[in-house]
Amino acid sequence: MERSLEGKEIILGVTGSIAAYKAVEILRELTRRGAAVTVVMTESAQRFVAPLTFETLSRRPLLTDLFTLEYDKQIGHVASAGRADLLLVAPATANTIAKFAHGLADDFLSNIYLSSTCPVVLAPAMDLEMYAHPAVQGNLGTLKARGVSIVEPEFGELASGMIGRGRLAELSAILQAVEDLLHRQGDLKGETVLVTAGPTQEPLDPVRYLSNRSSGKMGFAIA
């Protein structure tokens, strides 16, 4: 079921993949569901899709230049990362994945990743040999271990003409990952919850009862 993203601030990172044009539809859907989206394009991504396309659809300035502070009076990448509810990179190339995994910060997007404290979703897209390479799989494993959500690529025909796993995941799968993370973050926001802890007793008759040896540690940990 489609869920509203009203009031959510999302950063959409677009990297230099042939699938970069699909990010336009991702942006459309995110904004249609109520999210406010700021788009960050790498230099390579701008060779595949005109930056003006994303600026027009997001109704926000595009972030590309690490040394341009026109968008914000504060340090651009820090300010942008600090107010985001989620960072989505789709498509994510092998190069960007490697930068994230090894902490490189040579463009706006990699700086935002390193400055962010919000959930991060990556949707890889590349040729099948690249995706299967141990270096790429190792980098993805590193990011997963750090809590980054990976929307696995689909199996199908690739830009090279080959058939295999590596094409960008379907729009529905990417949006589902975004919704799951954003709604998981705030499901209990503003709610009052009563947590009980310790053993319980259930009478069997006036003399006997059933009980357990619960220490209550789990209840205290949850609270």
N, C-alpha and C. Protein backbone atom coordinates (compact mmCIF):
# COMPACT_ATOMS: atom_id res chain seq x y z
N MET A 1 0.84 -1.19 0.00
CA MET A 1 0.00 0.00 0.00
C MET A 1 0.88 1.25 0.00
N GLU A 2 0.55 2.19 -0.84
CA GLU A 2 1.31 3.43 -0.95
C GLU A 2 1.15 4.26 0.32
N ARG A 3 2.28 4.74 0.85
CA ARG A 3 2.25 5.55 2.07
C ARG A 3 2.75 6.96 1.80
N SER A 4 2.18 7.91 2.51
CA SER A 4 2.53 9.32 2.30
C SER A 4 3.94 9.60 2.82
N LEU A 5 4.62 10.48 2.12
CA LEU A 5 5.94 10.95 2.55
C LEU A 5 5.88 12.43 2.90
N GLU A 6 4.69 12.90 3.21
CA GLU A 6 4.47 14.31 3.53
C GLU A 6 5.39 14.76 4.67
N GLY A 7 6.07 15.88 4.46
CA GLY A 7 6.94 16.43 5.49
C GLY A 7 8.32 15.82 5.56
N LYS A 8 8.63 14.86 4.72
CA LYS A 8 9.94 14.21 4.74
C LYS A 8 10.92 14.93 3.82
N GLU A 9 12.13 15.11 4.32
CA GLU A 9 13.21 15.71 3.53
C GLU A 9 14.12 14.60 3.02
N ILE A 10 14.21 14.47 1.71
CA ILE A 10 15.00 13.41 1.11
C ILE A 10 16.06 14.01 0.20
N ILE A 11 17.28 13.50 0.31
CA ILE A 11 18.33 13.85 -0.65
C ILE A 11 18.43 12.71 -1.65
N LEU A 12 18.29 13.01 -2.93
CA LEU A 12 18.41 12.02 -3.99
C LEU A 12 19.75 12.22 -4.70
N GLY A 13 20.64 11.25 -4.53
CA GLY A 13 21.93 11.30 -5.21
C GLY A 13 21.85 10.56 -6.53
N VAL A 14 22.32 11.20 -7.59
CA VAL A 14 22.30 10.59 -8.92
C VAL A 14 23.74 10.51 -9.42
N THR A 15 24.19 9.31 -9.77
CA THR A 15 25.58 9.12 -10.20
C THR A 15 25.64 8.73 -11.67
N GLY A 16 26.88 8.62 -12.20
CA GLY A 16 27.09 8.48 -13.63
C GLY A 16 26.86 7.10 -14.20
N SER A 17 25.63 6.67 -14.21
CA SER A 17 25.22 5.40 -14.81
C SER A 17 24.28 5.68 -15.96
N ILE A 18 24.21 4.76 -16.92
CA ILE A 18 23.26 4.89 -18.02
C ILE A 18 21.84 4.91 -17.48
N ALA A 19 21.66 4.37 -16.26
CA ALA A 19 20.33 4.35 -15.64
C ALA A 19 19.98 5.67 -14.96
N ALA A 20 20.82 6.69 -15.11
CA ALA A 20 20.57 7.97 -14.44
C ALA A 20 19.22 8.57 -14.85
N TYR A 21 18.79 8.29 -16.08
CA TYR A 21 17.51 8.85 -16.52
C TYR A 21 16.34 8.33 -15.70
N LYS A 22 16.49 7.13 -15.11
CA LYS A 22 15.42 6.57 -14.30
C LYS A 22 15.24 7.33 -12.99
N ALA A 23 16.25 8.07 -12.59
CA ALA A 23 16.14 8.87 -11.36
C ALA A 23 15.11 9.97 -11.51
N VAL A 24 14.82 10.36 -12.75
CA VAL A 24 13.79 11.37 -12.98
C VAL A 24 12.44 10.86 -12.50
N GLU A 25 12.13 9.61 -12.81
CA GLU A 25 10.86 9.03 -12.38
C GLU A 25 10.84 8.81 -10.87
N ILE A 26 11.99 8.46 -10.30
CA ILE A 26 12.07 8.33 -8.84
C ILE A 26 11.75 9.67 -8.18
N LEU A 27 12.33 10.73 -8.71
CA LEU A 27 12.06 12.08 -8.19
C LEU A 27 10.58 12.41 -8.31
N ARG A 28 9.98 12.13 -9.44
CA ARG A 28 8.55 12.41 -9.64
C ARG A 28 7.70 11.72 -8.57
N GLU A 29 7.99 10.46 -8.33
CA GLU A 29 7.18 9.68 -7.38
C GLU A 29 7.38 10.17 -5.95
N LEU A 30 8.60 10.48 -5.59
CA LEU A 30 8.86 10.97 -4.23
C LEU A 30 8.12 12.27 -3.97
N THR A 31 8.17 13.19 -4.92
CA THR A 31 7.49 14.48 -4.74
C THR A 31 5.98 14.30 -4.80
N ARG A 32 5.51 13.39 -5.63
CA ARG A 32 4.06 13.15 -5.72
C ARG A 32 3.51 12.65 -4.38
N ARG A 33 4.32 11.91 -3.65
CA ARG A 33 3.89 11.37 -2.37
C ARG A 33 4.12 12.35 -1.22
N GLY A 34 4.58 13.55 -1.53
CA GLY A 34 4.67 14.59 -0.52
C GLY A 34 6.04 14.93 -0.02
N ALA A 35 7.07 14.20 -0.45
CA ALA A 35 8.42 14.47 0.04
C ALA A 35 9.00 15.73 -0.59
N ALA A 36 9.84 16.41 0.17
CA ALA A 36 10.63 17.52 -0.36
C ALA A 36 11.99 16.95 -0.73
N VAL A 37 12.37 17.04 -1.99
CA VAL A 37 13.56 16.35 -2.48
C VAL A 37 14.61 17.34 -2.98
N THR A 38 15.82 17.17 -2.48
CA THR A 38 16.97 17.91 -2.98
C THR A 38 17.84 16.94 -3.77
N VAL A 39 18.17 17.28 -5.00
CA VAL A 39 18.93 16.39 -5.86
C VAL A 39 20.41 16.79 -5.88
N VAL A 40 21.26 15.78 -5.74
CA VAL A 40 22.71 15.96 -5.84
C VAL A 40 23.19 15.11 -7.01
N MET A 41 23.84 15.73 -7.98
CA MET A 41 24.36 15.00 -9.14
C MET A 41 25.88 15.02 -9.13
N THR A 42 26.48 13.86 -9.44
CA THR A 42 27.92 13.84 -9.65
C THR A 42 28.22 14.42 -11.03
N GLU A 43 29.48 14.73 -11.26
CA GLU A 43 29.86 15.30 -12.56
C GLU A 43 29.53 14.34 -13.69
N SER A 44 29.75 13.05 -13.47
CA SER A 44 29.46 12.06 -14.51
C SER A 44 27.97 11.95 -14.79
N ALA A 45 27.16 12.08 -13.77
CA ALA A 45 25.71 11.98 -13.95
C ALA A 45 25.19 13.07 -14.87
N GLN A 46 25.83 14.23 -14.82
CA GLN A 46 25.38 15.35 -15.65
C GLN A 46 25.63 15.12 -17.13
N ARG A 47 26.41 14.10 -17.47
CA ARG A 47 26.64 13.75 -18.87
C ARG A 47 25.49 12.90 -19.42
N PHE A 48 24.70 12.33 -18.52
CA PHE A 48 23.60 11.47 -18.94
C PHE A 48 22.25 12.18 -18.93
N VAL A 49 22.05 13.07 -17.95
CA VAL A 49 20.78 13.79 -17.82
C VAL A 49 21.07 15.26 -17.55
N ALA A 50 20.34 16.14 -18.21
CA ALA A 50 20.54 17.57 -18.01
C ALA A 50 20.14 17.97 -16.59
N PRO A 51 20.99 18.68 -15.88
CA PRO A 51 20.67 19.12 -14.51
C PRO A 51 19.37 19.89 -14.42
N LEU A 52 19.04 20.65 -15.46
CA LEU A 52 17.81 21.45 -15.44
C LEU A 52 16.57 20.58 -15.25
N THR A 53 16.62 19.34 -15.72
CA THR A 53 15.48 18.43 -15.56
C THR A 53 15.16 18.23 -14.08
N PHE A 54 16.19 17.97 -13.28
CA PHE A 54 15.98 17.73 -11.86
C PHE A 54 15.62 19.01 -11.12
N GLU A 55 16.22 20.12 -11.50
CA GLU A 55 15.87 21.39 -10.86
C GLU A 55 14.41 21.74 -11.09
N THR A 56 13.94 21.51 -12.30
CA THR A 56 12.56 21.84 -12.65
C THR A 56 11.58 20.98 -11.87
N LEU A 57 11.84 19.68 -11.81
CA LEU A 57 10.90 18.76 -11.16
C LEU A 57 10.94 18.86 -9.64
N SER A 58 12.11 19.14 -9.08
CA SER A 58 12.22 19.24 -7.61
C SER A 58 11.85 20.62 -7.10
N ARG A 59 11.88 21.61 -8.01
CA ARG A 59 11.64 23.01 -7.64
C ARG A 59 12.65 23.50 -6.60
N ARG A 60 13.85 22.94 -6.67
CA ARG A 60 14.92 23.32 -5.76
C ARG A 60 16.23 23.43 -6.53
N PRO A 61 17.17 24.22 -6.02
CA PRO A 61 18.48 24.29 -6.68
C PRO A 61 19.15 22.91 -6.66
N LEU A 62 19.85 22.61 -7.72
CA LEU A 62 20.59 21.36 -7.81
C LEU A 62 21.93 21.51 -7.12
N LEU A 63 22.36 20.49 -6.40
CA LEU A 63 23.66 20.53 -5.72
C LEU A 63 24.66 19.72 -6.52
N THR A 64 25.70 20.37 -6.99
CA THR A 64 26.73 19.69 -7.78
C THR A 64 28.14 20.07 -7.36
N ASP A 65 28.33 21.33 -7.05
CA ASP A 65 29.67 21.87 -6.81
C ASP A 65 29.97 21.95 -5.32
N LEU A 66 31.00 21.24 -4.91
CA LEU A 66 31.38 21.20 -3.50
C LEU A 66 31.76 22.57 -2.95
N PHE A 67 32.18 23.48 -3.82
CA PHE A 67 32.68 24.77 -3.37
C PHE A 67 31.74 25.92 -3.65
N THR A 68 30.48 25.61 -4.00
CA THR A 68 29.48 26.64 -4.21
C THR A 68 28.56 26.71 -3.01
N LEU A 69 28.47 27.87 -2.38
CA LEU A 69 27.66 28.02 -1.17
C LEU A 69 26.40 28.85 -1.42
N GLU A 70 26.02 29.01 -2.68
CA GLU A 70 24.85 29.82 -2.99
C GLU A 70 23.58 29.22 -2.41
N TYR A 71 23.52 27.88 -2.37
CA TYR A 71 22.31 27.22 -1.90
C TYR A 71 22.09 27.45 -0.41
N ASP A 72 23.17 27.57 0.34
CA ASP A 72 23.01 27.69 1.78
C ASP A 72 24.14 28.56 2.33
N LYS A 73 23.82 29.41 3.27
CA LYS A 73 24.83 30.28 3.86
C LYS A 73 25.79 29.50 4.73
N GLN A 74 25.34 28.30 5.18
CA GLN A 74 26.22 27.46 5.97
C GLN A 74 27.07 26.63 5.00
N ILE A 75 27.97 25.80 5.57
CA ILE A 75 28.74 24.90 4.72
C ILE A 75 27.76 23.94 4.05
N GLY A 76 27.72 23.97 2.74
CA GLY A 76 26.66 23.32 1.98
C GLY A 76 26.38 21.87 2.30
N HIS A 77 27.41 21.00 2.24
CA HIS A 77 27.16 19.57 2.41
C HIS A 77 26.75 19.24 3.84
N VAL A 78 27.30 19.95 4.81
CA VAL A 78 26.95 19.69 6.22
C VAL A 78 25.50 20.11 6.49
N ALA A 79 25.13 21.28 6.00
CA ALA A 79 23.77 21.77 6.21
C ALA A 79 22.75 20.88 5.52
N SER A 80 23.05 20.45 4.30
CA SER A 80 22.12 19.60 3.56
C SER A 80 21.94 18.26 4.25
N ALA A 81 23.04 17.65 4.67
CA ALA A 81 22.96 16.34 5.32
C ALA A 81 22.24 16.43 6.66
N GLY A 82 22.43 17.53 7.37
CA GLY A 82 21.87 17.66 8.71
C GLY A 82 20.36 17.73 8.74
N ARG A 83 19.73 18.24 7.69
CA ARG A 83 18.28 18.37 7.72
C ARG A 83 17.55 17.24 6.99
N ALA A 84 18.29 16.29 6.43
CA ALA A 84 17.67 15.21 5.66
C ALA A 84 17.12 14.11 6.56
N ASP A 85 15.97 13.57 6.16
CA ASP A 85 15.41 12.39 6.83
C ASP A 85 15.95 11.11 6.21
N LEU A 86 16.41 11.20 4.96
CA LEU A 86 16.92 10.00 4.28
C LEU A 86 17.78 10.42 3.10
N LEU A 87 18.84 9.65 2.86
CA LEU A 87 19.69 9.82 1.68
C LEU A 87 19.49 8.62 0.78
N LEU A 88 19.03 8.87 -0.44
CA LEU A 88 18.82 7.81 -1.43
C LEU A 88 19.76 8.07 -2.60
N VAL A 89 20.57 7.07 -2.94
CA VAL A 89 21.44 7.18 -4.11
C VAL A 89 20.98 6.16 -5.14
N ALA A 90 20.43 6.65 -6.24
CA ALA A 90 19.88 5.78 -7.27
C ALA A 90 19.96 6.49 -8.62
N PRO A 91 20.74 5.97 -9.55
CA PRO A 91 21.56 4.76 -9.44
C PRO A 91 22.87 5.03 -8.68
N ALA A 92 23.41 3.96 -8.09
CA ALA A 92 24.71 4.05 -7.41
C ALA A 92 25.72 3.24 -8.21
N THR A 93 26.75 3.90 -8.71
CA THR A 93 27.77 3.22 -9.51
C THR A 93 28.79 2.53 -8.61
N ALA A 94 29.60 1.67 -9.22
CA ALA A 94 30.67 1.00 -8.48
C ALA A 94 31.63 2.02 -7.89
N ASN A 95 31.87 3.10 -8.62
CA ASN A 95 32.78 4.15 -8.16
C ASN A 95 32.26 4.83 -6.90
N THR A 96 30.99 5.20 -6.91
CA THR A 96 30.40 5.86 -5.74
C THR A 96 30.33 4.91 -4.55
N ILE A 97 29.98 3.67 -4.80
CA ILE A 97 29.93 2.66 -3.73
C ILE A 97 31.31 2.53 -3.09
N ALA A 98 32.36 2.51 -3.90
CA ALA A 98 33.72 2.40 -3.37
C ALA A 98 34.09 3.63 -2.54
N LYS A 99 33.70 4.81 -3.01
CA LYS A 99 33.97 6.03 -2.25
C LYS A 99 33.31 5.97 -0.87
N PHE A 100 32.05 5.58 -0.85
CA PHE A 100 31.33 5.50 0.42
C PHE A 100 31.98 4.48 1.36
N ALA A 101 32.34 3.33 0.81
CA ALA A 101 32.90 2.25 1.64
C ALA A 101 34.25 2.63 2.24
N HIS A 102 35.02 3.43 1.50
CA HIS A 102 36.38 3.75 1.95
C HIS A 102 36.53 5.18 2.47
N GLY A 103 35.42 5.89 2.58
CA GLY A 103 35.46 7.21 3.20
C GLY A 103 36.07 8.31 2.37
N LEU A 104 36.07 8.17 1.05
CA LEU A 104 36.58 9.24 0.20
C LEU A 104 35.56 10.37 0.13
N ALA A 105 36.06 11.59 0.00
CA ALA A 105 35.18 12.76 0.00
C ALA A 105 35.68 13.78 -1.02
N ASP A 106 35.52 13.44 -2.30
CA ASP A 106 36.05 14.31 -3.35
C ASP A 106 34.96 14.96 -4.20
N ASP A 107 33.70 14.79 -3.81
CA ASP A 107 32.62 15.48 -4.51
C ASP A 107 31.49 15.77 -3.51
N PHE A 108 30.47 16.46 -3.97
CA PHE A 108 29.40 16.88 -3.06
C PHE A 108 28.69 15.68 -2.45
N LEU A 109 28.40 14.68 -3.29
CA LEU A 109 27.63 13.53 -2.81
C LEU A 109 28.38 12.73 -1.75
N SER A 110 29.65 12.46 -1.97
CA SER A 110 30.41 11.70 -0.98
C SER A 110 30.57 12.47 0.32
N ASN A 111 30.67 13.79 0.24
CA ASN A 111 30.72 14.61 1.46
C ASN A 111 29.40 14.55 2.21
N ILE A 112 28.30 14.58 1.49
CA ILE A 112 26.99 14.49 2.14
C ILE A 112 26.85 13.14 2.84
N TYR A 113 27.29 12.06 2.16
CA TYR A 113 27.20 10.74 2.79
C TYR A 113 27.98 10.71 4.10
N LEU A 114 29.19 11.23 4.10
CA LEU A 114 30.01 11.19 5.31
C LEU A 114 29.49 12.12 6.40
N SER A 115 28.71 13.13 6.02
CA SER A 115 28.17 14.08 6.99
C SER A 115 26.80 13.68 7.51
N SER A 116 26.17 12.71 6.88
CA SER A 116 24.78 12.39 7.21
C SER A 116 24.68 11.46 8.42
N THR A 117 23.60 11.64 9.17
CA THR A 117 23.28 10.74 10.28
C THR A 117 21.94 10.05 10.05
N CYS A 118 21.34 10.31 8.89
CA CYS A 118 20.03 9.73 8.57
C CYS A 118 20.21 8.37 7.90
N PRO A 119 19.13 7.60 7.73
CA PRO A 119 19.21 6.34 6.99
C PRO A 119 19.69 6.57 5.56
N VAL A 120 20.42 5.59 5.03
CA VAL A 120 20.95 5.68 3.67
C VAL A 120 20.49 4.47 2.87
N VAL A 121 20.02 4.72 1.65
CA VAL A 121 19.59 3.66 0.74
C VAL A 121 20.40 3.78 -0.55
N LEU A 122 20.99 2.67 -0.99
CA LEU A 122 21.71 2.64 -2.26
C LEU A 122 21.03 1.66 -3.20
N ALA A 123 20.88 2.07 -4.46
CA ALA A 123 20.35 1.18 -5.50
C ALA A 123 21.42 1.05 -6.58
N PRO A 124 22.26 0.01 -6.49
CA PRO A 124 23.36 -0.15 -7.45
C PRO A 124 22.85 -0.38 -8.87
N ALA A 125 23.64 0.06 -9.85
CA ALA A 125 23.36 -0.20 -11.26
C ALA A 125 24.69 -0.21 -12.00
N MET A 126 24.99 -1.34 -12.64
CA MET A 126 26.26 -1.48 -13.37
C MET A 126 26.21 -2.76 -14.19
N ASP A 127 27.24 -3.01 -14.99
CA ASP A 127 27.28 -4.23 -15.79
C ASP A 127 27.47 -5.44 -14.88
N LEU A 128 27.08 -6.62 -15.39
CA LEU A 128 27.04 -7.80 -14.51
C LEU A 128 28.41 -8.19 -13.98
N GLU A 129 29.48 -8.07 -14.82
CA GLU A 129 30.81 -8.44 -14.32
C GLU A 129 31.26 -7.49 -13.22
N MET A 130 30.94 -6.22 -13.37
CA MET A 130 31.30 -5.25 -12.34
C MET A 130 30.57 -5.55 -11.04
N TYR A 131 29.27 -5.82 -11.15
CA TYR A 131 28.49 -6.08 -9.94
C TYR A 131 28.98 -7.34 -9.23
N ALA A 132 29.39 -8.35 -10.00
CA ALA A 132 29.83 -9.62 -9.41
C ALA A 132 31.27 -9.57 -8.91
N HIS A 133 32.01 -8.53 -9.25
CA HIS A 133 33.43 -8.48 -8.87
C HIS A 133 33.58 -8.47 -7.35
N PRO A 134 34.55 -9.24 -6.83
CA PRO A 134 34.75 -9.30 -5.37
C PRO A 134 34.95 -7.94 -4.72
N ALA A 135 35.58 -7.00 -5.43
CA ALA A 135 35.80 -5.67 -4.84
C ALA A 135 34.47 -4.96 -4.61
N VAL A 136 33.59 -5.02 -5.61
CA VAL A 136 32.28 -4.38 -5.47
C VAL A 136 31.45 -5.06 -4.39
N GLN A 137 31.45 -6.39 -4.42
CA GLN A 137 30.69 -7.12 -3.40
C GLN A 137 31.25 -6.87 -2.00
N GLY A 138 32.57 -6.74 -1.91
CA GLY A 138 33.18 -6.43 -0.62
C GLY A 138 32.78 -5.05 -0.12
N ASN A 139 32.75 -4.09 -1.03
CA ASN A 139 32.34 -2.73 -0.64
C ASN A 139 30.88 -2.70 -0.22
N LEU A 140 30.03 -3.42 -0.93
CA LEU A 140 28.62 -3.49 -0.54
C LEU A 140 28.46 -4.14 0.82
N GLY A 141 29.26 -5.19 1.07
CA GLY A 141 29.22 -5.85 2.37
C GLY A 141 29.64 -4.91 3.49
N THR A 142 30.66 -4.09 3.23
CA THR A 142 31.11 -3.10 4.21
C THR A 142 30.00 -2.12 4.54
N LEU A 143 29.32 -1.63 3.51
CA LEU A 143 28.25 -0.65 3.72
C LEU A 143 27.06 -1.28 4.44
N LYS A 144 26.73 -2.51 4.09
CA LYS A 144 25.63 -3.20 4.78
C LYS A 144 25.94 -3.34 6.27
N ALA A 145 27.20 -3.67 6.57
CA ALA A 145 27.60 -3.83 7.98
C ALA A 145 27.49 -2.52 8.74
N ARG A 146 27.54 -1.40 8.04
CA ARG A 146 27.41 -0.08 8.67
C ARG A 146 25.96 0.39 8.72
N GLY A 147 25.05 -0.45 8.26
CA GLY A 147 23.64 -0.09 8.35
C GLY A 147 23.03 0.50 7.10
N VAL A 148 23.79 0.56 6.01
CA VAL A 148 23.25 1.08 4.75
C VAL A 148 22.33 0.04 4.12
N SER A 149 21.17 0.47 3.66
CA SER A 149 20.22 -0.43 3.00
C SER A 149 20.55 -0.50 1.51
N ILE A 150 20.63 -1.71 0.99
CA ILE A 150 20.94 -1.92 -0.42
C ILE A 150 19.72 -2.50 -1.13
N VAL A 151 19.26 -1.82 -2.17
CA VAL A 151 18.18 -2.36 -3.00
C VAL A 151 18.86 -3.08 -4.15
N GLU A 152 18.86 -4.40 -4.09
CA GLU A 152 19.63 -5.20 -5.04
C GLU A 152 19.17 -4.96 -6.48
N PRO A 153 20.12 -4.95 -7.43
CA PRO A 153 19.76 -4.75 -8.83
C PRO A 153 18.98 -5.93 -9.39
N GLU A 154 18.30 -5.68 -10.50
CA GLU A 154 17.46 -6.69 -11.14
C GLU A 154 18.28 -7.51 -12.14
N PHE A 155 17.73 -8.67 -12.49
CA PHE A 155 18.28 -9.53 -13.54
C PHE A 155 17.58 -9.17 -14.84
N GLY A 156 18.35 -8.92 -15.90
CA GLY A 156 17.72 -8.59 -17.17
C GLY A 156 18.74 -8.10 -18.18
N GLU A 157 18.26 -7.51 -19.27
CA GLU A 157 19.15 -7.01 -20.31
C GLU A 157 19.79 -5.71 -19.85
N LEU A 158 21.10 -5.63 -20.06
CA LEU A 158 21.87 -4.47 -19.62
C LEU A 158 22.24 -3.59 -20.81
N ALA A 159 22.79 -2.42 -20.53
CA ALA A 159 23.14 -1.48 -21.60
C ALA A 159 24.16 -2.08 -22.56
N SER A 160 24.98 -2.99 -22.08
CA SER A 160 25.99 -3.64 -22.91
C SER A 160 25.39 -4.64 -23.87
N GLY A 161 24.12 -4.98 -23.68
CA GLY A 161 23.48 -6.00 -24.48
C GLY A 161 23.52 -7.37 -23.83
N MET A 162 24.27 -7.50 -22.76
CA MET A 162 24.37 -8.77 -22.05
C MET A 162 23.17 -8.95 -21.13
N ILE A 163 22.94 -10.19 -20.75
CA ILE A 163 21.84 -10.52 -19.85
C ILE A 163 22.43 -10.95 -18.51
N GLY A 164 21.98 -10.34 -17.43
CA GLY A 164 22.49 -10.70 -16.12
C GLY A 164 22.01 -9.74 -15.06
N ARG A 165 22.56 -9.87 -13.86
CA ARG A 165 22.15 -9.01 -12.75
C ARG A 165 23.00 -7.75 -12.73
N GLY A 166 22.33 -6.62 -12.66
CA GLY A 166 23.06 -5.36 -12.63
C GLY A 166 22.21 -4.16 -12.99
N ARG A 167 21.02 -4.40 -13.58
CA ARG A 167 20.18 -3.27 -13.94
C ARG A 167 19.50 -2.69 -12.71
N LEU A 168 19.26 -1.40 -12.72
CA LEU A 168 18.67 -0.72 -11.58
C LEU A 168 17.36 -1.38 -11.16
N ALA A 169 17.16 -1.52 -9.86
CA ALA A 169 15.94 -2.13 -9.34
C ALA A 169 14.71 -1.37 -9.82
N GLU A 170 13.59 -2.06 -9.84
CA GLU A 170 12.35 -1.43 -10.27
C GLU A 170 11.99 -0.28 -9.33
N LEU A 171 11.29 0.69 -9.89
CA LEU A 171 10.86 1.86 -9.12
C LEU A 171 10.11 1.46 -7.86
N SER A 172 9.24 0.47 -7.97
CA SER A 172 8.43 0.05 -6.81
C SER A 172 9.30 -0.48 -5.68
N ALA A 173 10.38 -1.20 -6.01
CA ALA A 173 11.27 -1.75 -4.98
C ALA A 173 12.04 -0.64 -4.28
N ILE A 174 12.48 0.35 -5.03
CA ILE A 174 13.22 1.47 -4.45
C ILE A 174 12.31 2.29 -3.53
N LEU A 175 11.11 2.57 -4.00
CA LEU A 175 10.16 3.34 -3.17
C LEU A 175 9.77 2.58 -1.92
N GLN A 176 9.64 1.26 -2.03
CA GLN A 176 9.30 0.45 -0.87
C GLN A 176 10.38 0.54 0.20
N ALA A 177 11.64 0.50 -0.23
CA ALA A 177 12.75 0.61 0.72
C ALA A 177 12.75 1.97 1.41
N VAL A 178 12.46 3.01 0.65
CA VAL A 178 12.39 4.37 1.22
C VAL A 178 11.27 4.46 2.24
N GLU A 179 10.09 3.99 1.86
CA GLU A 179 8.93 4.06 2.76
C GLU A 179 9.17 3.26 4.03
N ASP A 180 9.72 2.06 3.88
CA ASP A 180 9.95 1.21 5.06
C ASP A 180 10.86 1.89 6.06
N LEU A 181 11.93 2.51 5.58
CA LEU A 181 12.87 3.17 6.49
C LEU A 181 12.27 4.41 7.13
N LEU A 182 11.60 5.23 6.35
CA LEU A 182 11.05 6.47 6.89
C LEU A 182 9.91 6.22 7.86
N HIS A 183 9.07 5.25 7.58
CA HIS A 183 7.95 4.99 8.48
C HIS A 183 8.39 4.19 9.70
N ARG A 184 9.45 3.39 9.55
CA ARG A 184 9.98 2.68 10.71
C ARG A 184 10.56 3.66 11.70
N GLN A 185 11.14 4.75 11.19
CA GLN A 185 11.75 5.75 12.06
C GLN A 185 10.73 6.47 12.94
N GLY A 186 9.48 6.59 12.45
CA GLY A 186 8.54 7.43 13.18
C GLY A 186 7.24 6.78 13.56
N ASP A 187 7.18 5.43 13.52
CA ASP A 187 5.93 4.74 13.81
C ASP A 187 5.38 5.05 15.20
N LEU A 188 6.26 5.22 16.19
CA LEU A 188 5.82 5.43 17.57
C LEU A 188 6.06 6.86 18.04
N LYS A 189 6.40 7.74 17.11
CA LYS A 189 6.67 9.12 17.49
C LYS A 189 5.42 9.76 18.08
N GLY A 190 5.55 10.33 19.29
CA GLY A 190 4.43 11.00 19.95
C GLY A 190 3.52 10.07 20.71
N GLU A 191 3.80 8.76 20.67
CA GLU A 191 2.95 7.79 21.37
C GLU A 191 3.47 7.54 22.79
N THR A 192 2.54 7.20 23.69
CA THR A 192 2.89 6.80 25.05
C THR A 192 2.78 5.29 25.14
N VAL A 193 3.85 4.64 25.56
CA VAL A 193 3.90 3.18 25.59
C VAL A 193 4.16 2.70 27.01
N LEU A 194 3.36 1.73 27.46
CA LEU A 194 3.56 1.11 28.78
C LEU A 194 4.33 -0.19 28.58
N VAL A 195 5.48 -0.31 29.25
CA VAL A 195 6.31 -1.51 29.18
C VAL A 195 6.32 -2.18 30.54
N THR A 196 5.92 -3.43 30.59
CA THR A 196 5.98 -4.19 31.84
C THR A 196 7.25 -5.03 31.85
N ALA A 197 7.77 -5.29 33.05
CA ALA A 197 9.01 -6.06 33.16
C ALA A 197 8.94 -6.96 34.38
N GLY A 198 9.69 -8.05 34.33
CA GLY A 198 9.75 -8.96 35.46
C GLY A 198 8.79 -10.13 35.32
N PRO A 199 8.78 -11.03 36.29
CA PRO A 199 7.95 -12.24 36.23
C PRO A 199 6.46 -11.92 36.39
N THR A 200 5.63 -12.81 35.88
CA THR A 200 4.17 -12.70 36.03
C THR A 200 3.64 -13.95 36.72
N GLN A 201 2.46 -13.82 37.31
CA GLN A 201 1.82 -14.95 37.99
C GLN A 201 0.38 -15.11 37.50
N GLU A 202 0.00 -16.32 37.19
CA GLU A 202 -1.36 -16.62 36.73
C GLU A 202 -1.95 -17.69 37.65
N PRO A 203 -2.94 -17.34 38.48
CA PRO A 203 -3.50 -18.30 39.44
C PRO A 203 -4.11 -19.52 38.74
N LEU A 204 -3.84 -20.70 39.31
CA LEU A 204 -4.49 -21.93 38.86
C LEU A 204 -5.68 -22.26 39.76
N ASP A 205 -5.49 -22.05 41.04
CA ASP A 205 -6.54 -22.28 42.04
C ASP A 205 -6.14 -21.46 43.27
N PRO A 206 -6.88 -21.53 44.37
CA PRO A 206 -6.54 -20.72 45.56
C PRO A 206 -5.16 -20.96 46.13
N VAL A 207 -4.52 -22.07 45.75
CA VAL A 207 -3.23 -22.42 46.33
C VAL A 207 -2.08 -22.26 45.34
N ARG A 208 -2.31 -22.66 44.08
CA ARG A 208 -1.21 -22.73 43.11
C ARG A 208 -1.30 -21.62 42.05
N TYR A 209 -0.16 -21.33 41.46
CA TYR A 209 -0.14 -20.38 40.35
C TYR A 209 1.00 -20.75 39.39
N LEU A 210 0.89 -20.28 38.15
CA LEU A 210 1.95 -20.43 37.16
C LEU A 210 2.76 -19.15 37.12
N SER A 211 4.08 -19.29 37.04
CA SER A 211 4.94 -18.11 36.98
C SER A 211 6.13 -18.41 36.07
N ASN A 212 7.03 -17.45 35.94
CA ASN A 212 8.25 -17.64 35.16
C ASN A 212 9.41 -16.98 35.88
N ARG A 213 10.60 -17.24 35.39
CA ARG A 213 11.80 -16.72 36.05
C ARG A 213 12.35 -15.48 35.37
N SER A 214 11.50 -14.73 34.73
CA SER A 214 11.95 -13.52 34.02
C SER A 214 12.66 -12.57 34.97
N SER A 215 13.80 -12.03 34.52
CA SER A 215 14.55 -11.08 35.34
C SER A 215 14.07 -9.64 35.15
N GLY A 216 13.36 -9.41 34.04
CA GLY A 216 12.92 -8.05 33.73
C GLY A 216 13.93 -7.25 32.94
N LYS A 217 15.10 -7.84 32.65
CA LYS A 217 16.15 -7.10 31.94
C LYS A 217 15.71 -6.67 30.54
N MET A 218 14.98 -7.54 29.85
CA MET A 218 14.53 -7.20 28.51
C MET A 218 13.57 -6.01 28.53
N GLY A 219 12.65 -6.03 29.49
CA GLY A 219 11.70 -4.92 29.60
C GLY A 219 12.38 -3.60 29.87
N PHE A 220 13.38 -3.62 30.76
CA PHE A 220 14.11 -2.40 31.07
C PHE A 220 14.92 -1.92 29.86
N ALA A 221 15.47 -2.89 29.09
CA ALA A 221 16.25 -2.52 27.91
C ALA A 221 15.37 -1.85 26.85
N ILE A 222 14.16 -2.38 26.67
CA ILE A 222 13.23 -1.79 25.70
C ILE A 222 12.82 -0.39 26.13
N ALA A 223 12.53 -0.25 27.43
CA ALA A 223 12.11 1.06 27.95
C ALA A 223 13.22 2.08 27.85
